[in-house]
Protein backbone atom coordinates (compact mmCIF):
# COMPACT_ATOMS: atom_id res chain seq x y z
CA MET A 1 -6.53 -10.75 7.16
CA GLY A 2 -8.73 -10.96 10.57
CA SER A 3 -7.89 -12.59 13.00
CA LEU A 4 -7.11 -16.18 12.92
CA THR A 5 -10.30 -17.71 14.75
CA ILE A 6 -12.54 -21.02 13.87
CA GLU A 7 -15.46 -18.42 13.77
CA TYR A 8 -12.73 -15.93 10.91
CA LEU A 9 -12.26 -19.52 8.76
CA GLY A 10 -16.15 -20.20 8.74
CA THR A 11 -15.54 -16.69 7.55
CA THR A 12 -13.85 -16.80 4.86
CA LEU A 13 -15.05 -20.55 3.16
CA GLU A 14 -18.34 -18.79 3.20
CA ARG A 15 -17.06 -16.09 1.24
CA ALA A 16 -15.03 -18.13 -0.89
CA LYS A 17 -18.12 -20.17 -2.15
CA GLU A 18 -20.18 -17.23 -2.26
CA LEU A 19 -17.34 -15.16 -4.33
CA ASP A 20 -17.07 -19.43 -6.37
CA TYR A 21 -13.51 -20.15 -5.65
CA GLN A 22 -12.49 -23.06 -5.96
CA PHE A 23 -10.17 -24.35 -3.66
CA VAL A 24 -9.42 -23.34 0.40
CA GLY A 25 -5.62 -24.04 1.44
CA PHE A 26 -4.30 -24.62 5.00
CA LEU A 27 -1.02 -23.31 6.57
CA ILE A 28 -0.72 -25.96 9.65
CA GLU A 29 2.24 -25.97 11.64
CA MET A 30 3.67 -28.74 14.15
CA ASP A 31 6.23 -28.85 16.51
CA GLY A 32 9.15 -30.72 15.50
CA PHE A 33 9.28 -30.23 11.66
CA ILE A 34 10.64 -28.43 9.71
CA LYS A 35 8.29 -27.00 7.54
CA PRO A 36 4.59 -26.18 7.15
CA GLU A 37 2.25 -28.77 5.91
CA ILE A 38 0.39 -27.04 3.16
CA ILE A 39 -3.53 -28.56 2.66
CA ILE A 40 -5.57 -27.30 -0.49
CA ASN A 41 -9.33 -28.54 -0.34
CA GLN A 42 -12.38 -28.30 -3.14
CA VAL A 43 -15.23 -25.91 -2.19
CA ASP A 44 -17.34 -28.60 -2.18
CA ASN A 45 -16.05 -30.13 0.31
CA PHE A 46 -15.59 -26.45 2.44
CA ASP A 47 -19.54 -27.82 4.66
CA SER A 48 -17.40 -30.99 6.32
CA ILE A 49 -13.71 -29.32 6.23
CA LEU A 50 -15.34 -26.53 8.20
CA ALA A 51 -17.57 -28.93 11.08
CA TYR A 52 -13.90 -31.43 10.60
CA TYR A 53 -12.24 -28.58 12.33
CA LYS A 54 -14.63 -27.20 14.47
CA ARG A 55 -14.43 -30.93 16.16
CA ILE A 56 -10.43 -31.14 16.03
CA PHE A 57 -9.17 -27.14 16.84
CA ASN A 58 -9.82 -24.96 18.98
CA GLU A 59 -10.95 -21.20 19.18
CA ASN A 60 -7.72 -20.21 18.39
CA LEU A 61 -7.53 -23.00 15.59
CA ASN A 62 -4.84 -24.98 18.06
CA HIS A 63 -5.05 -28.66 17.48
CA LYS A 64 -7.37 -30.05 20.64
CA PHE A 65 -5.67 -33.38 20.83
CA ILE A 66 -2.29 -32.90 19.20
CA ALA A 67 -0.03 -29.99 21.15
CA GLY A 68 2.13 -27.73 18.89
CA LYS A 69 0.47 -28.13 16.02
CA LYS A 70 -1.86 -25.86 14.79
CA ILE A 71 -3.61 -23.54 11.58
CA SER A 72 -1.03 -20.70 11.17
CA ALA A 73 -2.76 -18.95 8.03
CA PHE A 74 -5.64 -20.23 5.06
CA THR A 75 -6.88 -18.64 1.80
CA PHE A 76 -9.04 -19.18 -1.13
CA GLY A 77 -7.88 -19.11 -4.47
CA ASN A 78 -8.58 -20.64 -8.24
CA SER A 79 -4.97 -22.63 -8.66
CA PHE A 80 -2.54 -23.91 -6.86
CA SER A 81 -0.34 -21.67 -6.70
CA GLU A 82 -2.25 -18.80 -5.78
CA ILE A 83 -2.83 -20.57 -3.02
CA GLN A 84 1.21 -21.31 -2.53
CA ASP A 85 1.76 -17.46 -3.02
CA TYR A 86 0.12 -16.68 -0.49
CA LEU A 87 0.94 -19.20 1.38
CA LEU A 88 4.27 -19.55 1.19
CA GLY A 89 4.56 -15.56 0.42
């Protein structure tokens, strides 16, 4: 995986569309939570997701408005289990 930046996230979403993957998954860490949040979105939402994340996360994927919240990993796949395996190991 490349450096976790908003730019790399955009590149990853574009690559997922090019390769015809169906889903993208995000691992979101938050202070005070024992386990991270997992978000999975469908390919049709990729452009909207990127625009939204650019508004609320900085270049290093830290939330701009909520201290201690960040995107710590992301991937694409064709099933939830494929994404889960990557994000949770």
